[in-house]
Amino acid sequence: MSNLFEISNDVQKAIDLKKPIVALESTLISHGLPYPDNIKVAKESIKAIEDNGSVAATIGIINGKVKIGLNEDDINILAKDHNVQKVSNHNINLSIFKKENAATTVASTISIASIFGIKFFVTGGIGGVHLNAKNTYDVSADLYSLSEHTNYVICSGAKSILDLNKTYELLETLGITRLGYKTDHMPGFWFSETKHQVDNNFESISDISNFLKLNSKLNHKKSILIFNKVPEINAISEDKINEWINGALLKAEKNKINGKELTPFLIKEINNSSNNKTLTANVSLIINNADLAGKIAKNFYT
C-alpha cells in the first residue's frame, strides 16, 4: 500500500496528531477551470483552509502514485498537462496501473480521503443526476460515493447544468443529510437558491460543528452535505443561467457532443455566453467554500 500512496509531511503529521484536515479534489484544476484560473483557485483554496487553522490535502495522481497533499509542482502538472486523465471510482485503478497523471473527482477524492480518516472535503459543486437521465441513465458516481462514505462535504449544491430537482430527491433517497449554512434552500451553484428546502439551516459554525460531532457519535455511515451559497456579489439569476444552459444544450446536440465531453463543453459555452460571469462565480464560490470548510474543520477538532 505504501508504494501506491504518498502523503505530504503536513498531512501525515495532522493525521498522526488528529488535527483538522480538509481534502480537495483535483478535477477542477485539470478539467473544471481554464489556465491560469485553475492554479489561482487551487492555491487560494489551500491558503483559505490553512488561514483558518486547518491543513489542506489536495488529492491527485502523479505518475501513477496517489498523492494526498499535492505540492506546487504537482498542481502545475495537473493544470498545464493536456494528457491528465479524469478519474472516478470506476477507472482510478487503471490510471494507477498505467502510471498516468490523473485528477480525482468528488467521488474518487472522497474514497481516498476516507482511507486515511480525513472527514472534511470541499468542492465547488457536486455531480448529480444529468439532464435527460431517463434516457441516458447518466447519474454521477459522486452521489453514490457520498452514500458509501462518512464525509462532511462543503459545496454550493450540484452544478447548475444538472437536473437539480432529481439530484435533490436522489440525495434524500440515498440517505444523505442536506444542511444549509445561512440558507433555507439548496443552492443552485451559480445561482443562490433553488426551491428545495434543506433538512436544516444552521446559522453558526459552532452549531454545525456540534451537529457533526453528534453525527459521529451516532456512527451515521453516510456523508453530510453542507450547502454554502455563492457570494452574493457574484450570484447570477436562475433565469439567466437557464437561458445560457438551453443555448449550450442546443449547440451540443447540433454538434453531437455527449458523454464525458458534454459537461466541459457546456461549462465553456455557458461561460462564453455569460462573458465570464459564470467563471467569476465559480472561482469565488470555490474559494468561499474552502474558507468555510477550514473554519468548520478547525471548530470540529477544538
C-alpha atoms as a PDB file:
ATOM      1  CA  MET A   1       0.000   0.000   0.000  1.00  0.00           C
ATOM      2  CA  SER A   2       2.866   2.394   0.827  1.00  0.00           C
ATOM      3  CA  ASN A   3       4.078   2.103  -2.769  1.00  0.00           C
ATOM      4  CA  LEU A   4       0.712   3.319  -4.072  1.00  0.00           C
ATOM      5  CA  PHE A   5       0.220   6.346  -1.816  1.00  0.00           C
ATOM      6  CA  GLU A   6       2.365   9.343  -0.943  1.00  0.00           C
ATOM      7  CA  ILE A   7       1.243  11.589   1.904  1.00  0.00           C
ATOM      8  CA  SER A   8       2.784  15.016   2.374  1.00  0.00           C
ATOM      9  CA  ASN A   9       4.571  15.675   5.661  1.00  0.00           C
ATOM     10  CA  ASP A  10       1.997  18.266   6.762  1.00  0.00           C
ATOM     11  CA  VAL A  11      -0.935  15.939   6.105  1.00  0.00           C
ATOM     12  CA  GLN A  12       0.771  12.940   7.745  1.00  0.00           C
ATOM     13  CA  LYS A  13       1.549  14.999  10.844  1.00  0.00           C
ATOM     14  CA  ALA A  14      -2.063  16.194  11.002  1.00  0.00           C
ATOM     15  CA  ILE A  15      -3.316  12.605  10.700  1.00  0.00           C
ATOM     16  CA  ASP A  16      -0.994  11.424  13.479  1.00  0.00           C
ATOM     17  CA  LEU A  17      -1.953  14.292  15.795  1.00  0.00           C
ATOM     18  CA  LYS A  18      -5.662  14.188  14.862  1.00  0.00           C
ATOM     19  CA  LYS A  19      -5.591  17.769  13.603  1.00  0.00           C
ATOM     20  CA  PRO A  20      -8.239  19.222  11.261  1.00  0.00           C
ATOM     21  CA  ILE A  21      -7.701  18.288   7.607  1.00  0.00           C
ATOM     22  CA  VAL A  22      -9.755  19.318   4.583  1.00  0.00           C
ATOM     23  CA  ALA A  23      -9.453  17.287   1.386  1.00  0.00           C
ATOM     24  CA  LEU A  24      -9.787  18.936  -2.030  1.00  0.00           C
ATOM     25  CA  GLU A  25     -10.415  17.346  -5.410  1.00  0.00           C
ATOM     26  CA  SER A  26      -8.101  17.962  -8.359  1.00  0.00           C
ATOM     27  CA  THR A  27     -10.512  17.688 -11.308  1.00  0.00           C
ATOM     28  CA  LEU A  28     -11.270  21.396 -11.042  1.00  0.00           C
ATOM     29  CA  ILE A  29      -7.555  22.014 -11.659  1.00  0.00           C
ATOM     30  CA  SER A  30      -7.298  19.859 -14.771  1.00  0.00           C
ATOM     31  CA  HIS A  31     -10.805  19.922 -16.253  1.00  0.00           C
ATOM     32  CA  GLY A  32     -13.003  22.350 -14.340  1.00  0.00           C
ATOM     33  CA  LEU A  33     -11.280  25.693 -14.802  1.00  0.00           C
ATOM     34  CA  PRO A  34      -9.155  27.250 -17.559  1.00  0.00           C
ATOM     35  CA  TYR A  35      -5.494  28.123 -17.105  1.00  0.00           C
ATOM     36  CA  PRO A  36      -4.347  30.178 -15.188  1.00  0.00           C
ATOM     37  CA  ASP A  37      -7.552  30.414 -13.099  1.00  0.00           C
ATOM     38  CA  ASN A  38      -7.146  26.749 -12.162  1.00  0.00           C
ATOM     39  CA  ILE A  39      -3.798  27.380 -10.449  1.00  0.00           C
ATOM     40  CA  LYS A  40      -5.091  30.527  -8.761  1.00  0.00           C
ATOM     41  CA  VAL A  41      -8.111  28.710  -7.319  1.00  0.00           C
ATOM     42  CA  ALA A  42      -6.066  25.709  -6.197  1.00  0.00           C
ATOM     43  CA  LYS A  43      -3.578  27.889  -4.333  1.00  0.00           C
ATOM     44  CA  GLU A  44      -6.114  30.314  -2.865  1.00  0.00           C
ATOM     45  CA  SER A  45      -8.320  27.439  -1.678  1.00  0.00           C
ATOM     46  CA  ILE A  46      -5.347  25.891   0.120  1.00  0.00           C
ATOM     47  CA  LYS A  47      -4.499  29.251   1.669  1.00  0.00           C
ATOM     48  CA  ALA A  48      -8.105  29.821   2.807  1.00  0.00           C
ATOM     49  CA  ILE A  49      -8.139  26.466   4.577  1.00  0.00           C
ATOM     50  CA  GLU A  50      -4.754  26.987   6.208  1.00  0.00           C
ATOM     51  CA  ASP A  51      -5.534  30.566   7.262  1.00  0.00           C
ATOM     52  CA  ASN A  52      -8.382  29.143   9.331  1.00  0.00           C
ATOM     53  CA  GLY A  53      -6.201  26.667  11.196  1.00  0.00           C
ATOM     54  CA  SER A  54      -6.796  23.504   9.173  1.00  0.00           C
ATOM     55  CA  VAL A  55      -4.485  21.503   6.910  1.00  0.00           C
ATOM     56  CA  ALA A  56      -5.290  21.333   3.189  1.00  0.00           C
ATOM     57  CA  ALA A  57      -4.912  17.989   1.418  1.00  0.00           C
ATOM     58  CA  THR A  58      -5.384  18.275  -2.328  1.00  0.00           C
ATOM     59  CA  ILE A  59      -5.598  14.770  -3.800  1.00  0.00           C
ATOM     60  CA  GLY A  60      -4.477  13.646  -7.246  1.00  0.00           C
ATOM     61  CA  ILE A  61      -2.378  11.091  -9.118  1.00  0.00           C
ATOM     62  CA  ILE A  62       1.128  11.872 -10.339  1.00  0.00           C
ATOM     63  CA  ASN A  63       2.895   9.227 -12.422  1.00  0.00           C
ATOM     64  CA  GLY A  64       0.570   6.566 -11.099  1.00  0.00           C
ATOM     65  CA  LYS A  65       1.066   7.417  -7.426  1.00  0.00           C
ATOM     66  CA  VAL A  66      -1.872   8.686  -5.370  1.00  0.00           C
ATOM     67  CA  LYS A  67      -0.710  11.830  -3.611  1.00  0.00           C
ATOM     68  CA  ILE A  68      -2.515  13.214  -0.568  1.00  0.00           C
ATOM     69  CA  GLY A  69      -1.318  16.787  -0.298  1.00  0.00           C
ATOM     70  CA  LEU A  70      -0.217  17.929  -3.749  1.00  0.00           C
ATOM     71  CA  ASN A  71       2.723  20.319  -3.839  1.00  0.00           C
ATOM     72  CA  GLU A  72       3.122  23.294  -6.186  1.00  0.00           C
ATOM     73  CA  ASP A  73       4.896  21.249  -8.870  1.00  0.00           C
ATOM     74  CA  ASP A  74       2.098  18.651  -8.800  1.00  0.00           C
ATOM     75  CA  ILE A  75      -0.565  21.339  -9.175  1.00  0.00           C
ATOM     76  CA  ASN A  76       1.290  22.824 -12.136  1.00  0.00           C
ATOM     77  CA  ILE A  77       1.412  19.420 -13.837  1.00  0.00           C
ATOM     78  CA  LEU A  78      -2.327  18.909 -13.465  1.00  0.00           C
ATOM     79  CA  ALA A  79      -3.040  22.493 -14.523  1.00  0.00           C
ATOM     80  CA  LYS A  80      -0.877  22.540 -17.657  1.00  0.00           C
ATOM     81  CA  ASP A  81      -0.559  18.957 -18.924  1.00  0.00           C
ATOM     82  CA  HIS A  82      -3.080  18.205 -21.694  1.00  0.00           C
ATOM     83  CA  ASN A  83      -2.940  14.441 -21.055  1.00  0.00           C
ATOM     84  CA  VAL A  84      -4.273  14.452 -17.492  1.00  0.00           C
ATOM     85  CA  GLN A  85      -6.940  11.798 -17.038  1.00  0.00           C
ATOM     86  CA  LYS A  86     -10.176  12.428 -15.138  1.00  0.00           C
ATOM     87  CA  VAL A  87     -10.724   9.540 -12.741  1.00  0.00           C
ATOM     88  CA  SER A  88     -13.714   8.479 -10.708  1.00  0.00           C
ATOM     89  CA  ASN A  89     -14.101   5.260  -8.723  1.00  0.00           C
ATOM     90  CA  HIS A  90     -14.541   3.072 -11.814  1.00  0.00           C
ATOM     91  CA  ASN A  91     -11.237   3.947 -13.504  1.00  0.00           C
ATOM     92  CA  ILE A  92      -8.833   5.265 -10.871  1.00  0.00           C
ATOM     93  CA  ASN A  93      -7.156   1.853 -10.618  1.00  0.00           C
ATOM     94  CA  LEU A  94      -6.359   1.945 -14.342  1.00  0.00           C
ATOM     95  CA  SER A  95      -4.565   5.292 -14.090  1.00  0.00           C
ATOM     96  CA  ILE A  96      -2.521   3.955 -11.194  1.00  0.00           C
ATOM     97  CA  PHE A  97      -1.689   0.816 -13.185  1.00  0.00           C
ATOM     98  CA  LYS A  98      -0.699   2.851 -16.263  1.00  0.00           C
ATOM     99  CA  LYS A  99       1.333   5.302 -14.142  1.00  0.00           C
ATOM    100  CA  GLU A 100      -0.607   8.255 -15.526  1.00  0.00           C
ATOM    101  CA  ASN A 101      -1.147  11.776 -14.288  1.00  0.00           C
ATOM    102  CA  ALA A 102      -4.786  11.968 -13.245  1.00  0.00           C
ATOM    103  CA  ALA A 103      -7.189  14.280 -11.451  1.00  0.00           C
ATOM    104  CA  THR A 104      -9.653  12.896  -8.932  1.00  0.00           C
ATOM    105  CA  THR A 105     -13.362  13.708  -8.984  1.00  0.00           C
ATOM    106  CA  VAL A 106     -15.547  14.268  -5.926  1.00  0.00           C
ATOM    107  CA  ALA A 107     -16.295  10.529  -5.833  1.00  0.00           C
ATOM    108  CA  SER A 108     -12.719   9.289  -6.002  1.00  0.00           C
ATOM    109  CA  THR A 109     -11.371  12.042  -3.726  1.00  0.00           C
ATOM    110  CA  ILE A 110     -13.867  11.121  -1.021  1.00  0.00           C
ATOM    111  CA  SER A 111     -12.989   7.443  -1.394  1.00  0.00           C
ATOM    112  CA  ILE A 112      -9.266   8.160  -0.981  1.00  0.00           C
ATOM    113  CA  ALA A 113      -9.758  10.617   1.888  1.00  0.00           C
ATOM    114  CA  SER A 114     -11.830   8.017   3.733  1.00  0.00           C
ATOM    115  CA  ILE A 115      -8.969   5.506   3.650  1.00  0.00           C
ATOM    116  CA  PHE A 116      -6.925   7.886   5.799  1.00  0.00           C
ATOM    117  CA  GLY A 117      -9.760   9.052   8.055  1.00  0.00           C
ATOM    118  CA  ILE A 118      -9.965  12.535   6.528  1.00  0.00           C
ATOM    119  CA  LYS A 119     -13.507  13.618   7.357  1.00  0.00           C
ATOM    120  CA  PHE A 120     -13.807  17.021   5.686  1.00  0.00           C
ATOM    121  CA  PHE A 121     -13.940  17.656   1.976  1.00  0.00           C
ATOM    122  CA  VAL A 122     -14.595  20.825  -0.030  1.00  0.00           C
ATOM    123  CA  THR A 123     -15.531  21.403  -3.635  1.00  0.00           C
ATOM    124  CA  GLY A 124     -17.435  23.880  -5.783  1.00  0.00           C
ATOM    125  CA  GLY A 125     -20.411  21.774  -6.841  1.00  0.00           C
ATOM    126  CA  ILE A 126     -21.047  18.060  -6.602  1.00  0.00           C
ATOM    127  CA  GLY A 127     -22.147  15.918  -9.527  1.00  0.00           C
ATOM    128  CA  GLY A 128     -25.704  14.667  -9.712  1.00  0.00           C
ATOM    129  CA  VAL A 129     -28.459  13.446 -11.982  1.00  0.00           C
ATOM    130  CA  HIS A 130     -27.814  14.661 -15.513  1.00  0.00           C
ATOM    131  CA  LEU A 131     -30.423  16.203 -17.765  1.00  0.00           C
ATOM    132  CA  ASN A 132     -32.175  13.544 -19.876  1.00  0.00           C
ATOM    133  CA  ALA A 133     -31.020  10.871 -17.401  1.00  0.00           C
ATOM    134  CA  LYS A 134     -34.242   8.925 -18.036  1.00  0.00           C
ATOM    135  CA  ASN A 135     -32.802   8.112 -21.461  1.00  0.00           C
ATOM    136  CA  THR A 136     -29.069   8.113 -20.773  1.00  0.00           C
ATOM    137  CA  TYR A 137     -29.017   6.749 -17.174  1.00  0.00           C
ATOM    138  CA  ASP A 138     -26.261   9.306 -16.575  1.00  0.00           C
ATOM    139  CA  VAL A 139     -26.026   9.791 -12.814  1.00  0.00           C
ATOM    140  CA  SER A 140     -22.793  10.955 -11.230  1.00  0.00           C
ATOM    141  CA  ALA A 141     -20.833   8.490  -9.118  1.00  0.00           C
ATOM    142  CA  ASP A 142     -20.427  11.389  -6.661  1.00  0.00           C
ATOM    143  CA  LEU A 143     -23.859  10.675  -5.193  1.00  0.00           C
ATOM    144  CA  TYR A 144     -23.114   7.020  -4.566  1.00  0.00           C
ATOM    145  CA  SER A 145     -19.701   7.780  -3.090  1.00  0.00           C
ATOM    146  CA  LEU A 146     -21.405  10.202  -0.705  1.00  0.00           C
ATOM    147  CA  SER A 147     -23.742   7.403   0.349  1.00  0.00           C
ATOM    148  CA  GLU A 148     -20.907   4.908   0.870  1.00  0.00           C
ATOM    149  CA  HIS A 149     -18.558   7.064   2.970  1.00  0.00           C
ATOM    150  CA  THR A 150     -18.848   9.297   6.015  1.00  0.00           C
ATOM    151  CA  ASN A 151     -17.520  12.670   4.929  1.00  0.00           C
ATOM    152  CA  TYR A 152     -18.575  16.221   5.712  1.00  0.00           C
ATOM    153  CA  VAL A 153     -18.781  17.970   2.360  1.00  0.00           C
ATOM    154  CA  ILE A 154     -18.916  21.734   1.917  1.00  0.00           C
ATOM    155  CA  CYS A 155     -20.239  22.757  -1.511  1.00  0.00           C
ATOM    156  CA  SER A 156     -22.585  25.158  -3.319  1.00  0.00           C
ATOM    157  CA  GLY A 157     -25.059  22.452  -4.305  1.00  0.00           C
ATOM    158  CA  ALA A 158     -24.881  20.449  -7.515  1.00  0.00           C
ATOM    159  CA  LYS A 159     -23.639  22.041 -10.720  1.00  0.00           C
ATOM    160  CA  SER A 160     -26.283  24.202 -12.418  1.00  0.00           C
ATOM    161  CA  ILE A 161     -26.118  22.211 -15.678  1.00  0.00           C
ATOM    162  CA  LEU A 162     -27.584  19.126 -13.940  1.00  0.00           C
ATOM    163  CA  ASP A 163     -31.165  18.172 -13.154  1.00  0.00           C
ATOM    164  CA  LEU A 164     -31.267  19.793  -9.736  1.00  0.00           C
ATOM    165  CA  ASN A 165     -34.767  18.533  -8.944  1.00  0.00           C
ATOM    166  CA  LYS A 166     -33.869  14.870  -9.424  1.00  0.00           C
ATOM    167  CA  THR A 167     -30.493  15.347  -7.735  1.00  0.00           C
ATOM    168  CA  TYR A 168     -32.200  16.754  -4.635  1.00  0.00           C
ATOM    169  CA  GLU A 169     -34.592  13.805  -4.473  1.00  0.00           C
ATOM    170  CA  LEU A 170     -31.868  11.206  -5.012  1.00  0.00           C
ATOM    171  CA  LEU A 171     -29.792  12.680  -2.197  1.00  0.00           C
ATOM    172  CA  GLU A 172     -32.708  12.016   0.137  1.00  0.00           C
ATOM    173  CA  THR A 173     -33.237   8.508  -1.234  1.00  0.00           C
ATOM    174  CA  LEU A 174     -29.560   7.702  -0.611  1.00  0.00           C
ATOM    175  CA  GLY A 175     -29.811   8.939   2.978  1.00  0.00           C
ATOM    176  CA  ILE A 176     -27.524  11.949   2.593  1.00  0.00           C
ATOM    177  CA  THR A 177     -28.336  14.769   5.024  1.00  0.00           C
ATOM    178  CA  ARG A 178     -28.633  18.175   3.332  1.00  0.00           C
ATOM    179  CA  LEU A 179     -27.700  21.079   5.581  1.00  0.00           C
ATOM    180  CA  GLY A 180     -27.642  24.779   4.851  1.00  0.00           C
ATOM    181  CA  TYR A 181     -25.170  27.307   6.198  1.00  0.00           C
ATOM    182  CA  LYS A 182     -27.208  30.506   6.484  1.00  0.00           C
ATOM    183  CA  THR A 183     -29.652  29.281   3.843  1.00  0.00           C
ATOM    184  CA  ASP A 184     -33.014  27.530   3.944  1.00  0.00           C
ATOM    185  CA  HIS A 185     -32.666  26.164   0.425  1.00  0.00           C
ATOM    186  CA  MET A 186     -30.219  24.116  -1.592  1.00  0.00           C
ATOM    187  CA  PRO A 187     -28.116  26.487  -3.713  1.00  0.00           C
ATOM    188  CA  GLY A 188     -28.043  26.179  -7.496  1.00  0.00           C
ATOM    189  CA  PHE A 189     -24.269  26.545  -7.790  1.00  0.00           C
ATOM    190  CA  TRP A 190     -24.086  29.681  -9.975  1.00  0.00           C
ATOM    191  CA  PHE A 191     -27.361  30.980  -8.516  1.00  0.00           C
ATOM    192  CA  SER A 192     -28.097  31.417  -4.831  1.00  0.00           C
ATOM    193  CA  GLU A 193     -31.117  29.247  -4.139  1.00  0.00           C
ATOM    194  CA  THR A 194     -33.295  26.560  -5.659  1.00  0.00           C
ATOM    195  CA  LYS A 195     -36.842  25.903  -4.488  1.00  0.00           C
ATOM    196  CA  HIS A 196     -35.691  22.856  -2.495  1.00  0.00           C
ATOM    197  CA  GLN A 197     -35.552  23.185   1.277  1.00  0.00           C
ATOM    198  CA  VAL A 198     -32.564  21.876   3.209  1.00  0.00           C
ATOM    199  CA  ASP A 199     -33.057  19.440   6.069  1.00  0.00           C
ATOM    200  CA  ASN A 200     -31.851  22.116   8.476  1.00  0.00           C
ATOM    201  CA  ASN A 201     -30.416  25.625   8.285  1.00  0.00           C
ATOM    202  CA  PHE A 202     -27.536  26.358  10.665  1.00  0.00           C
ATOM    203  CA  GLU A 203     -26.711  29.990  11.330  1.00  0.00           C
ATOM    204  CA  SER A 204     -23.370  29.413  13.053  1.00  0.00           C
ATOM    205  CA  ILE A 205     -20.240  27.354  12.519  1.00  0.00           C
ATOM    206  CA  SER A 206     -20.268  26.126  16.117  1.00  0.00           C
ATOM    207  CA  ASP A 207     -23.810  24.743  15.716  1.00  0.00           C
ATOM    208  CA  ILE A 208     -22.821  22.878  12.533  1.00  0.00           C
ATOM    209  CA  SER A 209     -19.729  21.528  14.284  1.00  0.00           C
ATOM    210  CA  ASN A 210     -21.747  20.342  17.294  1.00  0.00           C
ATOM    211  CA  PHE A 211     -24.191  18.567  14.996  1.00  0.00           C
ATOM    212  CA  LEU A 212     -21.338  16.846  13.158  1.00  0.00           C
ATOM    213  CA  LYS A 213     -19.847  15.723  16.471  1.00  0.00           C
ATOM    214  CA  LEU A 214     -23.222  14.209  17.400  1.00  0.00           C
ATOM    215  CA  ASN A 215     -23.387  12.580  13.983  1.00  0.00           C
ATOM    216  CA  SER A 216     -20.010  10.945  14.630  1.00  0.00           C
ATOM    217  CA  LYS A 217     -21.207   9.554  17.964  1.00  0.00           C
ATOM    218  CA  LEU A 218     -24.286   8.116  16.246  1.00  0.00           C
ATOM    219  CA  ASN A 219     -21.933   6.386  13.774  1.00  0.00           C
ATOM    220  CA  HIS A 220     -24.119   7.575  10.875  1.00  0.00           C
ATOM    221  CA  LYS A 221     -22.470   5.959   7.849  1.00  0.00           C
ATOM    222  CA  LYS A 222     -23.440   8.475   5.188  1.00  0.00           C
ATOM    223  CA  SER A 223     -21.871  11.730   4.123  1.00  0.00           C
ATOM    224  CA  ILE A 224     -23.398  15.059   5.078  1.00  0.00           C
ATOM    225  CA  LEU A 225     -23.648  17.969   2.659  1.00  0.00           C
ATOM    226  CA  ILE A 226     -23.183  21.486   3.970  1.00  0.00           C
ATOM    227  CA  PHE A 227     -24.509  23.934   1.396  1.00  0.00           C
ATOM    228  CA  ASN A 228     -22.833  27.331   1.151  1.00  0.00           C
ATOM    229  CA  LYS A 229     -24.259  29.888  -1.284  1.00  0.00           C
ATOM    230  CA  VAL A 230     -22.205  31.572  -3.964  1.00  0.00           C
ATOM    231  CA  PRO A 231     -21.090  35.009  -2.660  1.00  0.00           C
ATOM    232  CA  GLU A 232     -23.926  37.435  -3.332  1.00  0.00           C
ATOM    233  CA  ILE A 233     -21.776  39.822  -5.357  1.00  0.00           C
ATOM    234  CA  ASN A 234     -21.119  37.060  -7.925  1.00  0.00           C
ATOM    235  CA  ALA A 235     -24.512  35.321  -7.903  1.00  0.00           C
ATOM    236  CA  ILE A 236     -26.406  35.133 -11.204  1.00  0.00           C
ATOM    237  CA  SER A 237     -30.171  34.898 -11.673  1.00  0.00           C
ATOM    238  CA  GLU A 238     -31.617  31.441 -12.245  1.00  0.00           C
ATOM    239  CA  ASP A 239     -33.473  32.630 -15.361  1.00  0.00           C
ATOM    240  CA  LYS A 240     -30.243  33.850 -16.959  1.00  0.00           C
ATOM    241  CA  ILE A 241     -28.462  30.593 -16.126  1.00  0.00           C
ATOM    242  CA  ASN A 242     -31.271  28.522 -17.657  1.00  0.00           C
ATOM    243  CA  GLU A 243     -31.219  30.664 -20.787  1.00  0.00           C
ATOM    244  CA  TRP A 244     -27.480  30.047 -21.248  1.00  0.00           C
ATOM    245  CA  ILE A 245     -27.824  26.331 -20.455  1.00  0.00           C
ATOM    246  CA  ASN A 246     -30.575  25.857 -23.049  1.00  0.00           C
ATOM    247  CA  GLY A 247     -28.478  27.605 -25.693  1.00  0.00           C
ATOM    248  CA  ALA A 248     -25.446  25.447 -24.880  1.00  0.00           C
ATOM    249  CA  LEU A 249     -27.535  22.253 -24.965  1.00  0.00           C
ATOM    250  CA  LEU A 250     -28.843  23.098 -28.444  1.00  0.00           C
ATOM    251  CA  LYS A 251     -25.313  23.683 -29.657  1.00  0.00           C
ATOM    252  CA  ALA A 252     -24.114  20.403 -28.100  1.00  0.00           C
ATOM    253  CA  GLU A 253     -26.936  18.480 -29.779  1.00  0.00           C
ATOM    254  CA  LYS A 254     -26.186  20.096 -33.135  1.00  0.00           C
ATOM    255  CA  ASN A 255     -22.510  19.135 -32.834  1.00  0.00           C
ATOM    256  CA  LYS A 256     -23.307  15.627 -31.477  1.00  0.00           C
ATOM    257  CA  ILE A 257     -21.377  16.234 -28.263  1.00  0.00           C
ATOM    258  CA  ASN A 258     -22.261  13.827 -25.468  1.00  0.00           C
ATOM    259  CA  GLY A 259     -20.812  11.518 -22.829  1.00  0.00           C
ATOM    260  CA  LYS A 260     -17.844  12.745 -20.810  1.00  0.00           C
ATOM    261  CA  GLU A 261     -17.261  15.566 -23.313  1.00  0.00           C
ATOM    262  CA  LEU A 262     -20.651  17.160 -22.625  1.00  0.00           C
ATOM    263  CA  THR A 263     -20.054  18.732 -19.199  1.00  0.00           C
ATOM    264  CA  PRO A 264     -16.813  20.606 -20.074  1.00  0.00           C
ATOM    265  CA  PHE A 265     -18.390  21.689 -23.375  1.00  0.00           C
ATOM    266  CA  LEU A 266     -21.466  23.099 -21.626  1.00  0.00           C
ATOM    267  CA  ILE A 267     -19.416  24.906 -18.995  1.00  0.00           C
ATOM    268  CA  LYS A 268     -17.220  26.506 -21.645  1.00  0.00           C
ATOM    269  CA  GLU A 269     -20.193  27.553 -23.814  1.00  0.00           C
ATOM    270  CA  ILE A 270     -22.103  28.972 -20.863  1.00  0.00           C
ATOM    271  CA  ASN A 271     -19.052  30.911 -19.749  1.00  0.00           C
ATOM    272  CA  ASN A 272     -18.710  32.383 -23.232  1.00  0.00           C
ATOM    273  CA  SER A 273     -22.402  33.349 -23.277  1.00  0.00           C
ATOM    274  CA  SER A 274     -22.111  34.957 -19.855  1.00  0.00           C
ATOM    275  CA  ASN A 275     -18.996  36.974 -20.726  1.00  0.00           C
ATOM    276  CA  ASN A 276     -17.066  35.142 -17.992  1.00  0.00           C
ATOM    277  CA  LYS A 277     -19.689  35.782 -15.297  1.00  0.00           C
ATOM    278  CA  THR A 278     -20.104  32.060 -14.594  1.00  0.00           C
ATOM    279  CA  LEU A 279     -16.330  31.626 -14.369  1.00  0.00           C
ATOM    280  CA  THR A 280     -16.129  34.502 -11.890  1.00  0.00           C
ATOM    281  CA  ALA A 281     -18.929  32.954  -9.847  1.00  0.00           C
ATOM    282  CA  ASN A 282     -17.242  29.555  -9.982  1.00  0.00           C
ATOM    283  CA  VAL A 283     -13.907  30.896  -8.766  1.00  0.00           C
ATOM    284  CA  SER A 284     -15.466  32.896  -5.938  1.00  0.00           C
ATOM    285  CA  LEU A 285     -17.692  30.096  -4.629  1.00  0.00           C
ATOM    286  CA  ILE A 286     -14.856  27.528  -4.576  1.00  0.00           C
ATOM    287  CA  ILE A 287     -12.584  29.777  -2.508  1.00  0.00           C
ATOM    288  CA  ASN A 288     -15.512  30.816  -0.307  1.00  0.00           C
ATOM    289  CA  ASN A 289     -16.339  27.153   0.334  1.00  0.00           C
ATOM    290  CA  ALA A 290     -12.704  26.416   1.212  1.00  0.00           C
ATOM    291  CA  ASP A 291     -12.771  29.263   3.725  1.00  0.00           C
ATOM    292  CA  LEU A 292     -15.890  27.822   5.382  1.00  0.00           C
ATOM    293  CA  ALA A 293     -14.521  24.276   5.337  1.00  0.00           C
ATOM    294  CA  GLY A 294     -11.337  25.378   7.097  1.00  0.00           C
ATOM    295  CA  LYS A 295     -13.388  27.066   9.818  1.00  0.00           C
ATOM    296  CA  ILE A 296     -15.778  24.149  10.378  1.00  0.00           C
ATOM    297  CA  ALA A 297     -12.988  21.555  10.456  1.00  0.00           C
ATOM    298  CA  LYS A 298     -10.992  23.628  12.952  1.00  0.00           C
ATOM    299  CA  ASN A 299     -14.046  24.067  15.182  1.00  0.00           C
ATOM    300  CA  PHE A 300     -14.868  20.348  14.958  1.00  0.00           C
ATOM    301  CA  TYR A 301     -11.456  19.351  16.324  1.00  0.00           C
ATOM    302  CA  THR A 302     -11.359  22.038  19.025  1.00  0.00           C
END
